[in-house]
Amino acid sequence: MLFNGYPTGVEVCDAMVHGGPYPATSDVRGTSVGTLAIERFLRPVCLQNYPAALLPPPLQDSNPLGLLRLVNGIYTRDPITLSAND
């Protein structure tokens, strides 16, 4: 993110990457530029058995923001309700 400053001049696009097989880089697992650079900062997080009040609104079963979500392979804005079989 940049606020009231000058960018580096490196375009953020799918074609822009630094890295690749040796000798282009010593580490082929990631890049510091382009759209794939965000993968360096992502990590999986599991919020198992969290109370709804502690979850951010986009993750709450009630879907208070009315976001379009993929639930069990179906796109929906409906709240998630548990059936007797769950």
PDB file of N, CA and C in Angstrom:
ATOM      1  N   MET A   1       0.854  -1.156   0.000  1.00  0.00           N
ATOM      2  CA  MET A   1       0.000   0.000   0.000  1.00  0.00           C
ATOM      3  C   MET A   1       0.905   1.224   0.000  1.00  0.00           C
ATOM      4  N   LEU A   2       0.450   2.222  -0.721  1.00  0.00           N
ATOM      5  CA  LEU A   2       1.232   3.447  -0.829  1.00  0.00           C
ATOM      6  C   LEU A   2       0.302   4.619  -0.621  1.00  0.00           C
ATOM      7  N   PHE A   3       0.674   5.512   0.255  1.00  0.00           N
ATOM      8  CA  PHE A   3      -0.139   6.697   0.515  1.00  0.00           C
ATOM      9  C   PHE A   3       0.746   7.916   0.376  1.00  0.00           C
ATOM     10  N   ASN A   4       0.366   8.817  -0.532  1.00  0.00           N
ATOM     11  CA  ASN A   4       1.047  10.096  -0.689  1.00  0.00           C
ATOM     12  C   ASN A   4       2.554   9.916  -0.888  1.00  0.00           C
ATOM     13  N   GLY A   5       2.905   9.023  -1.796  1.00  0.00           N
ATOM     14  CA  GLY A   5       4.318   8.784  -2.052  1.00  0.00           C
ATOM     15  C   GLY A   5       4.541   8.352  -3.489  1.00  0.00           C
ATOM     16  N   TYR A   6       5.754   7.987  -3.795  1.00  0.00           N
ATOM     17  CA  TYR A   6       6.121   7.587  -5.139  1.00  0.00           C
ATOM     18  C   TYR A   6       6.274   6.074  -5.219  1.00  0.00           C
ATOM     19  N   PRO A   7       5.681   5.447  -6.240  1.00  0.00           N
ATOM     20  CA  PRO A   7       5.830   3.994  -6.391  1.00  0.00           C
ATOM     21  C   PRO A   7       7.236   3.646  -6.873  1.00  0.00           C
ATOM     22  N   THR A   8       7.550   2.388  -6.804  1.00  0.00           N
ATOM     23  CA  THR A   8       8.880   1.928  -7.206  1.00  0.00           C
ATOM     24  C   THR A   8       9.062   1.895  -8.714  1.00  0.00           C
ATOM     25  N   GLY A   9       7.975   1.927  -9.458  1.00  0.00           N
ATOM     26  CA  GLY A   9       8.062   1.801 -10.898  1.00  0.00           C
ATOM     27  C   GLY A   9       7.911   0.371 -11.369  1.00  0.00           C
ATOM     28  N   VAL A  10       7.823  -0.568 -10.434  1.00  0.00           N
ATOM     29  CA  VAL A  10       7.610  -1.971 -10.778  1.00  0.00           C
ATOM     30  C   VAL A  10       6.111  -2.203 -10.884  1.00  0.00           C
ATOM     31  N   GLU A  11       5.651  -2.614 -12.047  1.00  0.00           N
ATOM     32  CA  GLU A  11       4.225  -2.857 -12.252  1.00  0.00           C
ATOM     33  C   GLU A  11       3.795  -4.134 -11.537  1.00  0.00           C
ATOM     34  N   VAL A  12       2.620  -4.073 -10.914  1.00  0.00           N
ATOM     35  CA  VAL A  12       2.048  -5.268 -10.298  1.00  0.00           C
ATOM     36  C   VAL A  12       1.131  -5.911 -11.330  1.00  0.00           C
ATOM     37  N   CYS A  13       1.617  -6.960 -11.976  1.00  0.00           N
ATOM     38  CA  CYS A  13       0.850  -7.649 -13.008  1.00  0.00           C
ATOM     39  C   CYS A  13       1.241  -9.127 -12.998  1.00  0.00           C
ATOM     40  N   ASP A  14       0.431  -9.946 -13.644  1.00  0.00           N
ATOM     41  CA  ASP A  14       0.686 -11.388 -13.655  1.00  0.00           C
ATOM     42  C   ASP A  14       2.027 -11.750 -14.292  1.00  0.00           C
ATOM     43  N   ALA A  15       2.464 -10.970 -15.268  1.00  0.00           N
ATOM     44  CA  ALA A  15       3.690 -11.307 -15.987  1.00  0.00           C
ATOM     45  C   ALA A  15       4.957 -10.924 -15.226  1.00  0.00           C
ATOM     46  N   MET A  16       4.833 -10.105 -14.186  1.00  0.00           N
ATOM     47  CA  MET A  16       6.013  -9.628 -13.461  1.00  0.00           C
ATOM     48  C   MET A  16       6.364 -10.585 -12.325  1.00  0.00           C
ATOM     49  N   VAL A  17       7.490 -11.224 -12.414  1.00  0.00           N
ATOM     50  CA  VAL A  17       7.990 -12.071 -11.331  1.00  0.00           C
ATOM     51  C   VAL A  17       9.503 -11.929 -11.245  1.00  0.00           C
ATOM     52  N   HIS A  18      10.031 -12.147 -10.079  1.00  0.00           N
ATOM     53  CA  HIS A  18      11.470 -12.299  -9.889  1.00  0.00           C
ATOM     54  C   HIS A  18      11.652 -13.719  -9.401  1.00  0.00           C
ATOM     55  N   GLY A  19      12.503 -14.415  -9.996  1.00  0.00           N
ATOM     56  CA  GLY A  19      12.738 -15.779  -9.559  1.00  0.00           C
ATOM     57  C   GLY A  19      12.728 -16.718 -10.735  1.00  0.00           C
ATOM     58  N   GLY A  20      12.787 -17.973 -10.436  1.00  0.00           N
ATOM     59  CA  GLY A  20      12.824 -18.991 -11.458  1.00  0.00           C
ATOM     60  C   GLY A  20      13.891 -20.003 -11.127  1.00  0.00           C
ATOM     61  N   PRO A  21      14.182 -20.877 -12.072  1.00  0.00           N
ATOM     62  CA  PRO A  21      15.180 -21.906 -11.811  1.00  0.00           C
ATOM     63  C   PRO A  21      16.593 -21.315 -11.718  1.00  0.00           C
ATOM     64  N   TYR A  22      17.476 -22.049 -11.070  1.00  0.00           N
ATOM     65  CA  TYR A  22      18.877 -21.647 -10.968  1.00  0.00           C
ATOM     66  C   TYR A  22      19.433 -21.431 -12.365  1.00  0.00           C
ATOM     67  N   PRO A  23      20.196 -20.430 -12.660  1.00  0.00           N
ATOM     68  CA  PRO A  23      20.846 -19.487 -11.764  1.00  0.00           C
ATOM     69  C   PRO A  23      20.089 -18.171 -11.586  1.00  0.00           C
ATOM     70  N   ALA A  24      18.832 -18.089 -12.054  1.00  0.00           N
ATOM     71  CA  ALA A  24      18.101 -16.833 -11.934  1.00  0.00           C
ATOM     72  C   ALA A  24      17.884 -16.450 -10.475  1.00  0.00           C
ATOM     73  N   THR A  25      17.717 -17.431  -9.624  1.00  0.00           N
ATOM     74  CA  THR A  25      17.517 -17.171  -8.204  1.00  0.00           C
ATOM     75  C   THR A  25      17.974 -18.379  -7.410  1.00  0.00           C
ATOM     76  N   SER A  26      18.197 -18.169  -6.145  1.00  0.00           N
ATOM     77  CA  SER A  26      18.564 -19.295  -5.289  1.00  0.00           C
ATOM     78  C   SER A  26      17.347 -19.881  -4.581  1.00  0.00           C
ATOM     79  N   ASP A  27      16.175 -19.276  -4.741  1.00  0.00           N
ATOM     80  CA  ASP A  27      14.965 -19.748  -4.066  1.00  0.00           C
ATOM     81  C   ASP A  27      13.803 -19.695  -5.053  1.00  0.00           C
ATOM     82  N   VAL A  28      13.315 -20.848  -5.484  1.00  0.00           N
ATOM     83  CA  VAL A  28      12.272 -20.903  -6.509  1.00  0.00           C
ATOM     84  C   VAL A  28      10.863 -20.917  -5.922  1.00  0.00           C
ATOM     85  N   ARG A  29      10.733 -20.823  -4.592  1.00  0.00           N
ATOM     86  CA  ARG A  29       9.410 -20.944  -3.970  1.00  0.00           C
ATOM     87  C   ARG A  29       8.568 -19.684  -4.041  1.00  0.00           C
ATOM     88  N   GLY A  30       9.129 -18.537  -4.372  1.00  0.00           N
ATOM     89  CA  GLY A  30       8.319 -17.330  -4.363  1.00  0.00           C
ATOM     90  C   GLY A  30       8.959 -16.203  -5.126  1.00  0.00           C
ATOM     91  N   THR A  31       8.260 -15.087  -5.158  1.00  0.00           N
ATOM     92  CA  THR A  31       8.721 -13.889  -5.829  1.00  0.00           C
ATOM     93  C   THR A  31       8.410 -12.697  -4.942  1.00  0.00           C
ATOM     94  N   SER A  32       9.127 -11.621  -5.121  1.00  0.00           N
ATOM     95  CA  SER A  32       8.893 -10.426  -4.317  1.00  0.00           C
ATOM     96  C   SER A  32       8.098  -9.372  -5.073  1.00  0.00           C
ATOM     97  N   VAL A  33       7.757  -9.627  -6.325  1.00  0.00           N
ATOM     98  CA  VAL A  33       7.000  -8.654  -7.121  1.00  0.00           C
ATOM     99  C   VAL A  33       5.886  -9.359  -7.878  1.00  0.00           C
ATOM    100  N   GLY A  34       4.996  -8.587  -8.457  1.00  0.00           N
ATOM    101  CA  GLY A  34       3.896  -9.142  -9.238  1.00  0.00           C
ATOM    102  C   GLY A  34       2.778  -9.667  -8.354  1.00  0.00           C
ATOM    103  N   THR A  35       1.751 -10.210  -8.986  1.00  0.00           N
ATOM    104  CA  THR A  35       0.568 -10.655  -8.252  1.00  0.00           C
ATOM    105  C   THR A  35       0.835 -11.869  -7.378  1.00  0.00           C
ATOM    106  N   LEU A  36       1.864 -12.654  -7.677  1.00  0.00           N
ATOM    107  CA  LEU A  36       2.183 -13.828  -6.858  1.00  0.00           C
ATOM    108  C   LEU A  36       2.932 -13.472  -5.575  1.00  0.00           C
ATOM    109  N   ALA A  37       3.372 -12.231  -5.434  1.00  0.00           N
ATOM    110  CA  ALA A  37       4.139 -11.835  -4.256  1.00  0.00           C
ATOM    111  C   ALA A  37       3.323 -11.963  -2.977  1.00  0.00           C
ATOM    112  N   ILE A  38       2.006 -11.808  -3.046  1.00  0.00           N
ATOM    113  CA  ILE A  38       1.168 -11.899  -1.850  1.00  0.00           C
ATOM    114  C   ILE A  38       1.267 -13.278  -1.214  1.00  0.00           C
ATOM    115  N   GLU A  39       1.575 -14.294  -1.988  1.00  0.00           N
ATOM    116  CA  GLU A  39       1.685 -15.649  -1.445  1.00  0.00           C
ATOM    117  C   GLU A  39       2.777 -15.758  -0.384  1.00  0.00           C
ATOM    118  N   ARG A  40       3.742 -14.855  -0.397  1.00  0.00           N
ATOM    119  CA  ARG A  40       4.796 -14.875   0.616  1.00  0.00           C
ATOM    120  C   ARG A  40       4.251 -14.526   1.993  1.00  0.00           C
ATOM    121  N   PHE A  41       3.122 -13.834   2.049  1.00  0.00           N
ATOM    122  CA  PHE A  41       2.607 -13.339   3.319  1.00  0.00           C
ATOM    123  C   PHE A  41       1.333 -14.048   3.765  1.00  0.00           C
ATOM    124  N   LEU A  42       0.834 -14.986   2.976  1.00  0.00           N
ATOM    125  CA  LEU A  42      -0.387 -15.702   3.323  1.00  0.00           C
ATOM    126  C   LEU A  42      -0.074 -16.924   4.165  1.00  0.00           C
ATOM    127  N   ARG A  43      -0.988 -17.261   5.049  1.00  0.00           N
ATOM    128  CA  ARG A  43      -0.856 -18.495   5.814  1.00  0.00           C
ATOM    129  C   ARG A  43      -2.246 -19.011   6.133  1.00  0.00           C
ATOM    130  N   PRO A  44      -2.425 -20.310   6.145  1.00  0.00           N
ATOM    131  CA  PRO A  44      -3.741 -20.858   6.475  1.00  0.00           C
ATOM    132  C   PRO A  44      -4.042 -20.657   7.955  1.00  0.00           C
ATOM    133  N   VAL A  45      -5.294 -20.359   8.245  1.00  0.00           N
ATOM    134  CA  VAL A  45      -5.738 -20.162   9.623  1.00  0.00           C
ATOM    135  C   VAL A  45      -7.011 -20.966   9.819  1.00  0.00           C
ATOM    136  N   CYS A  46      -7.087 -21.699  10.907  1.00  0.00           N
ATOM    137  CA  CYS A  46      -8.273 -22.478  11.242  1.00  0.00           C
ATOM    138  C   CYS A  46      -8.877 -21.911  12.517  1.00  0.00           C
ATOM    139  N   LEU A  47     -10.167 -21.584  12.485  1.00  0.00           N
ATOM    140  CA  LEU A  47     -10.868 -21.034  13.641  1.00  0.00           C
ATOM    141  C   LEU A  47     -11.920 -22.036  14.092  1.00  0.00           C
ATOM    142  N   GLN A  48     -11.495 -23.165  14.584  1.00  0.00           N
ATOM    143  CA  GLN A  48     -12.395 -24.253  14.945  1.00  0.00           C
ATOM    144  C   GLN A  48     -13.075 -23.970  16.280  1.00  0.00           C
ATOM    145  N   ASN A  49     -14.411 -24.149  16.307  1.00  0.00           N
ATOM    146  CA  ASN A  49     -15.229 -23.995  17.512  1.00  0.00           C
ATOM    147  C   ASN A  49     -15.218 -22.583  18.090  1.00  0.00           C
ATOM    148  N   TYR A  50     -14.897 -21.575  17.296  1.00  0.00           N
ATOM    149  CA  TYR A  50     -14.927 -20.193  17.770  1.00  0.00           C
ATOM    150  C   TYR A  50     -16.367 -19.743  17.964  1.00  0.00           C
ATOM    151  N   PRO A  51     -16.655 -19.000  19.025  1.00  0.00           N
ATOM    152  CA  PRO A  51     -17.989 -18.408  19.167  1.00  0.00           C
ATOM    153  C   PRO A  51     -18.197 -17.361  18.072  1.00  0.00           C
ATOM    154  N   ALA A  52     -19.409 -17.259  17.558  1.00  0.00           N
ATOM    155  CA  ALA A  52     -19.711 -16.322  16.472  1.00  0.00           C
ATOM    156  C   ALA A  52     -19.322 -14.894  16.839  1.00  0.00           C
ATOM    157  N   ALA A  53     -19.480 -14.518  18.098  1.00  0.00           N
ATOM    158  CA  ALA A  53     -19.177 -13.150  18.523  1.00  0.00           C
ATOM    159  C   ALA A  53     -17.693 -12.808  18.368  1.00  0.00           C
ATOM    160  N   LEU A  54     -16.831 -13.812  18.334  1.00  0.00           N
ATOM    161  CA  LEU A  54     -15.396 -13.571  18.201  1.00  0.00           C
ATOM    162  C   LEU A  54     -14.904 -13.654  16.761  1.00  0.00           C
ATOM    163  N   LEU A  55     -15.755 -14.104  15.858  1.00  0.00           N
ATOM    164  CA  LEU A  55     -15.381 -14.196  14.445  1.00  0.00           C
ATOM    165  C   LEU A  55     -15.601 -12.857  13.757  1.00  0.00           C
ATOM    166  N   PRO A  56     -14.782 -12.522  12.751  1.00  0.00           N
ATOM    167  CA  PRO A  56     -15.063 -11.329  11.959  1.00  0.00           C
ATOM    168  C   PRO A  56     -16.382 -11.523  11.205  1.00  0.00           C
ATOM    169  N   PRO A  57     -17.146 -10.454  10.962  1.00  0.00           N
ATOM    170  CA  PRO A  57     -18.457 -10.582  10.316  1.00  0.00           C
ATOM    171  C   PRO A  57     -18.470 -11.423   9.038  1.00  0.00           C
ATOM    172  N   PRO A  58     -17.468 -11.340   8.148  1.00  0.00           N
ATOM    173  CA  PRO A  58     -17.530 -12.165   6.936  1.00  0.00           C
ATOM    174  C   PRO A  58     -17.485 -13.666   7.204  1.00  0.00           C
ATOM    175  N   LEU A  59     -17.027 -14.081   8.393  1.00  0.00           N
ATOM    176  CA  LEU A  59     -16.915 -15.506   8.707  1.00  0.00           C
ATOM    177  C   LEU A  59     -18.049 -16.028   9.573  1.00  0.00           C
ATOM    178  N   GLN A  60     -18.931 -15.157  10.029  1.00  0.00           N
ATOM    179  CA  GLN A  60     -20.029 -15.588  10.886  1.00  0.00           C
ATOM    180  C   GLN A  60     -21.086 -16.327  10.071  1.00  0.00           C
ATOM    181  N   ASP A  61     -21.639 -17.402  10.640  1.00  0.00           N
ATOM    182  CA  ASP A  61     -22.677 -18.183   9.956  1.00  0.00           C
ATOM    183  C   ASP A  61     -23.883 -17.331   9.586  1.00  0.00           C
ATOM    184  N   SER A  62     -24.190 -16.311  10.390  1.00  0.00           N
ATOM    185  CA  SER A  62     -25.371 -15.473  10.132  1.00  0.00           C
ATOM    186  C   SER A  62     -25.188 -14.558   8.926  1.00  0.00           C
ATOM    187  N   ASN A  63     -23.957 -14.390   8.443  1.00  0.00           N
ATOM    188  CA  ASN A  63     -23.634 -13.548   7.292  1.00  0.00           C
ATOM    189  C   ASN A  63     -24.246 -12.150   7.431  1.00  0.00           C
ATOM    190  N   PRO A  64     -23.887 -11.404   8.490  1.00  0.00           N
ATOM    191  CA  PRO A  64     -24.502 -10.099   8.726  1.00  0.00           C
ATOM    192  C   PRO A  64     -24.238  -9.078   7.626  1.00  0.00           C
ATOM    193  N   LEU A  65     -23.195  -9.268   6.832  1.00  0.00           N
ATOM    194  CA  LEU A  65     -22.882  -8.331   5.752  1.00  0.00           C
ATOM    195  C   LEU A  65     -23.561  -8.704   4.438  1.00  0.00           C
ATOM    196  N   GLY A  66     -24.215  -9.856   4.394  1.00  0.00           N
ATOM    197  CA  GLY A  66     -24.888 -10.293   3.172  1.00  0.00           C
ATOM    198  C   GLY A  66     -23.928 -10.587   2.035  1.00  0.00           C
ATOM    199  N   LEU A  67     -22.748 -11.076   2.350  1.00  0.00           N
ATOM    200  CA  LEU A  67     -21.742 -11.368   1.327  1.00  0.00           C
ATOM    201  C   LEU A  67     -22.095 -12.625   0.546  1.00  0.00           C
ATOM    202  N   LEU A  68     -21.702 -12.647  -0.719  1.00  0.00           N
ATOM    203  CA  LEU A  68     -21.847 -13.850  -1.531  1.00  0.00           C
ATOM    204  C   LEU A  68     -20.730 -14.802  -1.126  1.00  0.00           C
ATOM    205  N   ARG A  69     -21.104 -16.003  -0.661  1.00  0.00           N
ATOM    206  CA  ARG A  69     -20.128 -16.972  -0.175  1.00  0.00           C
ATOM    207  C   ARG A  69     -20.354 -18.317  -0.845  1.00  0.00           C
ATOM    208  N   LEU A  70     -19.295 -19.098  -0.935  1.00  0.00           N
ATOM    209  CA  LEU A  70     -19.375 -20.456  -1.465  1.00  0.00           C
ATOM    210  C   LEU A  70     -19.503 -21.401  -0.281  1.00  0.00           C
ATOM    211  N   VAL A  71     -20.677 -22.023  -0.136  1.00  0.00           N
ATOM    212  CA  VAL A  71     -20.961 -22.923   0.979  1.00  0.00           C
ATOM    213  C   VAL A  71     -21.348 -24.280   0.412  1.00  0.00           C
ATOM    214  N   ASN A  72     -20.564 -25.290   0.721  1.00  0.00           N
ATOM    215  CA  ASN A  72     -20.819 -26.645   0.223  1.00  0.00           C
ATOM    216  C   ASN A  72     -21.014 -26.668  -1.290  1.00  0.00           C
ATOM    217  N   GLY A  73     -20.182 -25.902  -2.000  1.00  0.00           N
ATOM    218  CA  GLY A  73     -20.207 -25.897  -3.456  1.00  0.00           C
ATOM    219  C   GLY A  73     -21.288 -25.043  -4.088  1.00  0.00           C
ATOM    220  N   ILE A  74     -22.037 -24.268  -3.283  1.00  0.00           N
ATOM    221  CA  ILE A  74     -23.129 -23.435  -3.803  1.00  0.00           C
ATOM    222  C   ILE A  74     -22.894 -21.989  -3.378  1.00  0.00           C
ATOM    223  N   TYR A  75     -22.964 -21.050  -4.337  1.00  0.00           N
ATOM    224  CA  TYR A  75     -22.854 -19.632  -4.013  1.00  0.00           C
ATOM    225  C   TYR A  75     -24.167 -19.159  -3.409  1.00  0.00           C
ATOM    226  N   THR A  76     -24.080 -18.495  -2.260  1.00  0.00           N
ATOM    227  CA  THR A  76     -25.281 -18.054  -1.562  1.00  0.00           C
ATOM    228  C   THR A  76     -24.978 -16.847  -0.688  1.00  0.00           C
ATOM    229  N   ARG A  77     -26.011 -16.060  -0.411  1.00  0.00           N
ATOM    230  CA  ARG A  77     -25.941 -14.969   0.558  1.00  0.00           C
ATOM    231  C   ARG A  77     -26.709 -15.330   1.829  1.00  0.00           C
ATOM    232  N   ASP A  78     -27.304 -16.512   1.850  1.00  0.00           N
ATOM    233  CA  ASP A  78     -28.114 -16.948   2.986  1.00  0.00           C
ATOM    234  C   ASP A  78     -27.237 -17.265   4.191  1.00  0.00           C
ATOM    235  N   PRO A  79     -27.818 -17.140   5.399  1.00  0.00           N
ATOM    236  CA  PRO A  79     -27.081 -17.587   6.586  1.00  0.00           C
ATOM    237  C   PRO A  79     -26.912 -19.102   6.565  1.00  0.00           C
ATOM    238  N   ILE A  80     -25.912 -19.581   7.252  1.00  0.00           N
ATOM    239  CA  ILE A  80     -25.687 -21.020   7.358  1.00  0.00           C
ATOM    240  C   ILE A  80     -26.454 -21.525   8.568  1.00  0.00           C
ATOM    241  N   THR A  81     -27.295 -22.505   8.342  1.00  0.00           N
ATOM    242  CA  THR A  81     -28.030 -23.124   9.448  1.00  0.00           C
ATOM    243  C   THR A  81     -27.669 -24.594   9.492  1.00  0.00           C
ATOM    244  N   LEU A  82     -27.520 -25.116  10.683  1.00  0.00           N
ATOM    245  CA  LEU A  82     -27.167 -26.522  10.849  1.00  0.00           C
ATOM    246  C   LEU A  82     -28.427 -27.362  10.888  1.00  0.00           C
ATOM    247  N   SER A  83     -28.405 -28.467  10.164  1.00  0.00           N
ATOM    248  CA  SER A  83     -29.537 -29.389  10.194  1.00  0.00           C
ATOM    249  C   SER A  83     -29.333 -30.390  11.327  1.00  0.00           C
ATOM    250  N   ALA A  84     -30.330 -31.205  11.582  1.00  0.00           N
ATOM    251  CA  ALA A  84     -30.242 -32.210  12.646  1.00  0.00           C
ATOM    252  C   ALA A  84     -29.157 -33.239  12.347  1.00  0.00           C
ATOM    253  N   ASN A  85     -28.796 -33.388  11.068  1.00  0.00           N
ATOM    254  CA  ASN A  85     -27.792 -34.381  10.676  1.00  0.00           C
ATOM    255  C   ASN A  85     -26.365 -33.864  10.808  1.00  0.00           C
ATOM    256  N   ASP A  86     -26.185 -32.565  11.077  1.00  0.00           N
ATOM    257  CA  ASP A  86     -24.836 -31.979  11.145  1.00  0.00           C
ATOM    258  C   ASP A  86     -24.197 -32.186  12.489  1.00  0.00           C
TER     259      ASP A  86
END
